[in-house]
């Protein structure tokens, strides 16, 4: 209760609020539940308007990696490919919170270590790589 919340309006814009009540039932088929949020007074709020809501359940500072860098094993383990001394090193990690395309790494990776952000399935433990800074990578559509 009282967790920060926000609504992203369909026509654009964001309205802040706080969780007032969480209903205990969750629909088994849709996995949807109900939450009441106290919103700040805003003229953009209209009856029948559509919005997407988010509730901040927790906030932590720590190591985060792009979700695209996570490798999921059939037995439920999660891993990343760390880069150490120009070589790929497979690591099992424990993940935590996920938001905005990033996943928290609770254990298995230090703050100053780099990971393979994409295409990890093409690499194996021990492969030689040349790290590239994220801002030096162009999306395929922009590459010429």
Foldseek 3Di string as FASTA:
>chain_A
DQFKKWWAFPVGDIWIWGWDDWDPDADPVVRDGDTDTGTDDDPVDDPPTDTDMDTDPDDDDAAKAFPQQWDADPVGWIWGFWADPQFTAIWTFDWDDDDDRIIHTPDTDHRPIHTDRHPCVVDDGGHGHDDDDPVVDDPPVPDD
